[in-house]
Amino acid sequence: MIKLTVVIITKNEELKIGSCLKSLLGLADEFIIVDDLSSDKTVEICKNFGAKIISSKSNGEFDKQRNIGIDNANGEWIMQLDADEIIPSESINKIRSAISEPKGFVGFEIRRKNFFLGKPILHSGNYGYTLKIFKKGAGYYIEKVHEKLKISGKIGKIDADINHYPFNSIFEVFERANFYTDIESAVFLKGIEKITEQRIKYELTIKSLRRFWKLYVKKQGYKDGMNGFIWCILNVIGPQMRWMKIWEQVEKKSKLIK
């Protein structure tokens, strides 16, 4: 019986997916790739690792993509990953041990360590546990854009890391932020008749300053040096982009209350 299926959703990830799958060779019994119609060599690389490929256009509904992977998994346990995540060799035995003797748990959180331009970000709230592993039938994803895993049952913790390499350049940060904020602003504006100018100014100024203070000072982002400083700024710029796009749309449609 297949013990562990790893599900990965992809979209033009040829530069990262190979490293991800290679790190899983001692852990996964099955790979399922739910691919969002990639135009590069992503699918070809995944096939070389023996992965099962499911082509599905996401239309920004990432919960749907992950749930397709769940429905097609043959494993008793499922681990959901992104193409820019890597499992360190020292984490493999800990994961295997946890799912072999789950002690009543149907899901497991594991630490996710973010790397920014080659250096780990260990503060600003970016190094902590995230829910990634669950028994088939016990979990399903909800919320379209920033999908969340909903588990029915007890959740445990695995004292191990997943290394996350989301960006190789500042350009990639803005490219991804531009993609997600298009979706986020559209979702927010569904059903919204009017929005005040005061609300938008608040989100772009006071709320942004509070966010930076929280990440850089309260959550000690300053301990990660210059990389941490830039990381915290970028985590403020993303929401600002979303609110500027919201303003742009409501201004065009004359839905702004001054």
Protein backbone atom coordinates (compact mmCIF):
# COMPACT_ATOMS: atom_id res chain seq x y z
CA MET A 1 0.00 0.00 0.00
CA ILE A 2 1.22 3.51 -0.82
CA LYS A 3 2.03 5.21 2.46
CA LEU A 4 2.62 8.84 1.45
CA THR A 5 1.48 10.81 -1.60
CA VAL A 6 3.02 14.23 -2.20
CA VAL A 7 0.79 16.67 -4.09
CA ILE A 8 2.34 19.72 -5.75
CA ILE A 9 0.53 22.41 -7.73
CA THR A 10 2.61 23.97 -10.51
CA LYS A 11 2.64 26.75 -13.09
CA ASN A 12 5.86 27.25 -15.11
CA GLU A 13 8.16 25.97 -12.37
CA GLU A 14 10.93 24.43 -14.50
CA LEU A 15 13.67 26.20 -12.50
CA LYS A 16 12.50 24.87 -9.13
CA ILE A 17 10.46 21.69 -9.47
CA GLY A 18 13.45 19.41 -10.09
CA SER A 19 15.10 20.31 -6.77
CA CYS A 20 11.79 19.86 -4.96
CA LEU A 21 11.14 16.39 -6.36
CA LYS A 22 14.74 15.28 -5.86
CA SER A 23 14.51 16.13 -2.16
CA LEU A 24 11.45 13.86 -1.88
CA LEU A 25 12.93 10.70 -3.35
CA GLY A 26 13.56 9.15 0.05
CA LEU A 27 10.17 10.14 1.40
CA ALA A 28 7.33 10.05 -1.14
CA ASP A 29 5.77 6.86 -2.47
CA GLU A 30 3.77 8.77 -5.08
CA PHE A 31 4.02 12.18 -6.76
CA ILE A 32 0.91 13.95 -8.07
CA ILE A 33 1.42 17.17 -10.01
CA VAL A 34 -1.63 19.35 -10.62
CA ASP A 35 -0.33 21.60 -13.37
CA ASP A 36 -1.91 24.91 -14.35
CA LEU A 37 -1.20 24.53 -18.10
CA SER A 38 2.53 25.29 -17.88
CA SER A 39 4.19 26.50 -21.08
CA ASP A 40 7.75 25.60 -20.04
CA LYS A 41 9.41 22.25 -19.22
CA THR A 42 7.68 21.75 -15.86
CA VAL A 43 5.61 18.75 -16.97
CA GLU A 44 8.54 17.12 -18.78
CA ILE A 45 10.72 17.36 -15.66
CA CYS A 46 7.96 15.94 -13.46
CA LYS A 47 7.45 12.99 -15.81
CA ASN A 48 11.15 12.17 -15.50
CA PHE A 49 10.55 11.63 -11.78
CA GLY A 50 7.63 9.30 -12.47
CA ALA A 51 5.02 11.79 -11.34
CA LYS A 52 1.34 11.51 -12.23
CA ILE A 53 0.38 14.69 -14.12
CA ILE A 54 -3.08 16.23 -13.95
CA SER A 55 -3.59 19.28 -16.17
CA SER A 56 -6.10 21.74 -14.76
CA LYS A 57 -6.56 25.47 -15.39
CA SER A 58 -6.79 27.12 -11.98
CA ASN A 59 -8.50 30.43 -12.82
CA GLY A 60 -7.04 31.63 -9.53
CA GLU A 61 -8.86 28.90 -7.55
CA PHE A 62 -5.89 27.27 -5.82
CA ASP A 63 -8.06 25.42 -3.31
CA LYS A 64 -9.59 23.58 -6.29
CA GLN A 65 -6.15 22.61 -7.58
CA ARG A 66 -5.06 21.17 -4.25
CA ASN A 67 -8.33 19.30 -3.80
CA ILE A 68 -7.93 17.70 -7.23
CA GLY A 69 -4.62 16.35 -5.98
CA ILE A 70 -6.25 15.01 -2.83
CA ASP A 71 -9.00 13.27 -4.79
CA ASN A 72 -6.45 11.52 -7.03
CA ALA A 73 -4.02 10.51 -4.29
CA ASN A 74 -3.57 6.82 -3.54
CA GLY A 75 -1.62 7.28 -0.32
CA GLU A 76 -2.88 6.74 3.19
CA TRP A 77 -1.21 10.07 4.01
CA ILE A 78 -0.96 13.21 1.86
CA MET A 79 1.66 15.93 1.97
CA GLN A 80 0.90 19.15 0.10
CA LEU A 81 3.90 21.12 -1.14
CA ASP A 82 4.79 23.97 -3.47
CA ALA A 83 7.42 23.70 -6.20
CA ASP A 84 9.72 26.09 -4.34
CA GLU A 85 9.85 23.94 -1.19
CA ILE A 86 12.57 21.41 -0.38
CA ILE A 87 12.62 18.71 2.30
CA PRO A 88 16.03 18.59 4.04
CA SER A 89 17.40 15.06 4.41
CA GLU A 90 17.32 15.33 8.22
CA SER A 91 13.54 15.89 8.11
CA ILE A 92 12.69 12.74 6.15
CA ASN A 93 12.99 10.21 9.00
CA LYS A 94 11.02 12.47 11.35
CA ILE A 95 8.15 12.72 8.87
CA ARG A 96 8.19 8.97 8.21
CA SER A 97 8.20 8.24 11.93
CA ALA A 98 5.25 10.56 12.58
CA ILE A 99 2.96 9.02 9.95
CA SER A 100 4.02 5.46 10.85
CA GLU A 101 2.96 5.98 14.47
CA PRO A 102 0.48 8.88 14.36
CA LYS A 103 -0.77 8.38 17.97
CA GLY A 104 -4.29 9.45 17.10
CA PHE A 105 -3.34 12.47 15.02
CA VAL A 106 -4.87 12.84 11.54
CA GLY A 107 -2.77 15.85 10.56
CA PHE A 108 0.68 17.22 11.26
CA GLU A 109 2.19 20.68 11.26
CA ILE A 110 5.83 21.11 10.31
CA ARG A 111 8.09 24.17 10.47
CA ARG A 112 8.51 26.19 7.28
CA LYS A 113 11.79 28.08 6.98
CA ASN A 114 11.69 30.89 4.42
CA PHE A 115 14.85 31.87 2.55
CA PHE A 116 15.16 35.31 0.98
CA LEU A 117 17.98 35.88 -1.52
CA GLY A 118 19.86 32.93 -0.06
CA LYS A 119 19.50 33.76 3.64
CA PRO A 120 16.97 32.32 6.12
CA ILE A 121 14.32 34.64 7.58
CA LEU A 122 13.97 33.38 11.15
CA HIS A 123 11.95 36.26 12.59
CA SER A 124 9.12 38.65 11.60
CA GLY A 125 6.67 35.78 12.10
CA ASN A 126 7.99 33.86 9.11
CA TYR A 127 9.48 30.82 10.82
CA GLY A 128 6.81 28.69 12.39
CA TYR A 129 4.59 25.66 12.05
CA THR A 130 2.28 25.16 9.09
CA LEU A 131 -0.18 22.37 8.34
CA LYS A 132 1.14 20.26 5.46
CA ILE A 133 0.54 16.55 6.19
CA PHE A 134 -2.79 14.81 6.76
CA LYS A 135 -4.54 11.50 6.46
CA LYS A 136 -6.59 11.05 3.30
CA GLY A 137 -10.23 11.73 4.06
CA ALA A 138 -9.43 13.99 7.01
CA GLY A 139 -8.57 17.19 5.16
CA TYR A 140 -9.80 19.46 2.39
CA TYR A 141 -8.87 22.93 1.19
CA ILE A 142 -11.08 26.01 1.44
CA GLU A 143 -10.68 29.66 0.28
CA LYS A 144 -9.69 30.26 -3.32
CA VAL A 145 -6.64 32.53 -3.31
CA HIS A 146 -4.72 31.88 -0.08
CA GLU A 147 -6.06 28.38 0.37
CA LYS A 148 -6.39 26.91 3.87
CA LEU A 149 -6.37 23.27 4.88
CA LYS A 150 -9.34 22.27 7.03
CA ILE A 151 -8.76 19.14 9.12
CA SER A 152 -11.33 17.02 10.94
CA GLY A 153 -9.48 15.55 13.89
CA LYS A 154 -6.43 15.98 16.12
CA ILE A 155 -3.37 17.80 14.77
CA GLY A 156 0.18 17.11 15.95
CA LYS A 157 3.56 18.74 15.36
CA ILE A 158 6.69 17.33 13.73
CA ASP A 159 9.98 18.78 14.98
CA ALA A 160 11.42 19.23 11.49
CA ASP A 161 11.80 21.84 8.76
CA ILE A 162 10.66 22.41 5.21
CA ASN A 163 12.92 24.88 3.41
CA HIS A 164 11.05 27.42 1.30
CA TYR A 165 12.80 29.35 -1.51
CA PRO A 166 10.08 31.61 -2.90
CA PHE A 167 12.18 34.31 -4.58
CA ASN A 168 15.51 34.55 -6.37
CA SER A 169 15.23 38.28 -7.00
CA ILE A 170 13.29 41.40 -6.08
CA PHE A 171 11.75 41.24 -9.55
CA GLU A 172 10.20 37.85 -8.70
CA VAL A 173 8.67 39.33 -5.54
CA PHE A 174 6.90 42.06 -7.47
CA GLU A 175 5.94 39.70 -10.28
CA ARG A 176 4.21 37.35 -7.84
CA ALA A 177 2.67 40.22 -5.86
CA ASN A 178 1.25 41.65 -9.08
CA PHE A 179 -0.31 38.28 -9.93
CA TYR A 180 -1.86 37.67 -6.51
CA THR A 181 -3.06 41.24 -5.93
CA ASP A 182 -4.98 41.14 -9.21
CA ILE A 183 -6.89 38.14 -7.87
CA GLU A 184 -7.22 39.47 -4.31
CA SER A 185 -8.55 42.87 -5.39
CA ALA A 186 -11.11 41.22 -7.69
CA VAL A 187 -12.29 38.90 -4.90
CA PHE A 188 -12.58 41.83 -2.47
CA LEU A 189 -14.61 43.94 -4.88
CA LYS A 190 -17.19 41.23 -5.57
CA GLY A 191 -20.45 42.49 -4.13
CA ILE A 192 -18.92 45.76 -2.91
CA GLU A 193 -21.12 48.67 -3.89
CA LYS A 194 -19.15 51.54 -2.38
CA ILE A 195 -15.90 52.08 -0.49
CA THR A 196 -14.69 55.24 1.20
CA GLU A 197 -11.63 57.22 0.26
CA GLN A 198 -10.83 57.37 3.98
CA ARG A 199 -10.66 53.55 4.19
CA ILE A 200 -8.23 53.35 1.27
CA LYS A 201 -5.99 56.09 2.68
CA TYR A 202 -5.99 54.31 6.05
CA GLU A 203 -4.95 51.00 4.49
CA LEU A 204 -2.17 52.64 2.47
CA THR A 205 -0.71 54.69 5.34
CA ILE A 206 -1.53 53.93 8.98
CA LYS A 207 -2.26 50.22 8.43
CA SER A 208 0.93 49.85 6.41
CA LEU A 209 3.04 51.52 9.10
CA ARG A 210 1.48 49.28 11.75
CA ARG A 211 2.20 46.21 9.64
CA PHE A 212 5.86 47.17 9.27
CA TRP A 213 6.17 47.89 13.01
CA LYS A 214 4.63 44.52 13.82
CA LEU A 215 6.94 42.57 11.50
CA TYR A 216 10.19 44.49 11.97
CA VAL A 217 10.01 45.54 15.61
CA LYS A 218 7.44 43.47 17.51
CA LYS A 219 8.29 40.20 15.73
CA GLN A 220 11.99 41.12 15.60
CA GLY A 221 12.53 41.15 11.86
CA TYR A 222 15.54 43.39 12.53
CA LYS A 223 17.44 40.33 13.80
CA ASP A 224 17.67 39.05 10.22
CA GLY A 225 19.80 42.03 9.16
CA MET A 226 19.34 43.81 5.86
CA ASN A 227 17.58 40.79 4.34
CA GLY A 228 15.04 40.97 7.15
CA PHE A 229 14.58 44.72 6.68
CA ILE A 230 13.86 44.37 2.95
CA TRP A 231 11.65 41.32 3.60
CA CYS A 232 9.48 43.31 6.03
CA ILE A 233 9.16 46.22 3.58
CA LEU A 234 8.11 43.86 0.79
CA ASN A 235 5.48 42.32 3.07
CA VAL A 236 3.99 45.81 3.40
CA ILE A 237 4.18 46.69 -0.29
CA GLY A 238 2.10 43.64 -1.29
CA PRO A 239 -1.03 44.75 0.60
CA GLN A 240 -0.45 48.31 -0.61
CA MET A 241 -0.50 47.08 -4.21
CA ARG A 242 -3.81 45.32 -3.50
CA TRP A 243 -5.38 48.49 -2.09
CA MET A 244 -4.11 50.67 -4.92
CA LYS A 245 -5.73 48.26 -7.39
CA ILE A 246 -8.95 48.37 -5.37
CA TRP A 247 -8.83 52.17 -5.54
CA GLU A 248 -8.18 52.04 -9.29
CA GLN A 249 -11.24 49.88 -9.91
CA VAL A 250 -13.66 51.77 -7.68
CA GLU A 251 -12.48 55.06 -9.15
CA LYS A 252 -13.20 53.78 -12.67
CA LYS A 253 -16.67 52.61 -11.65
CA SER A 254 -17.48 55.73 -9.61
CA LYS A 255 -17.91 53.66 -6.44
CA LEU A 256 -15.58 55.80 -4.33
CA ILE A 257 -17.19 57.77 -1.51
CA LYS A 258 -15.18 60.89 -0.73
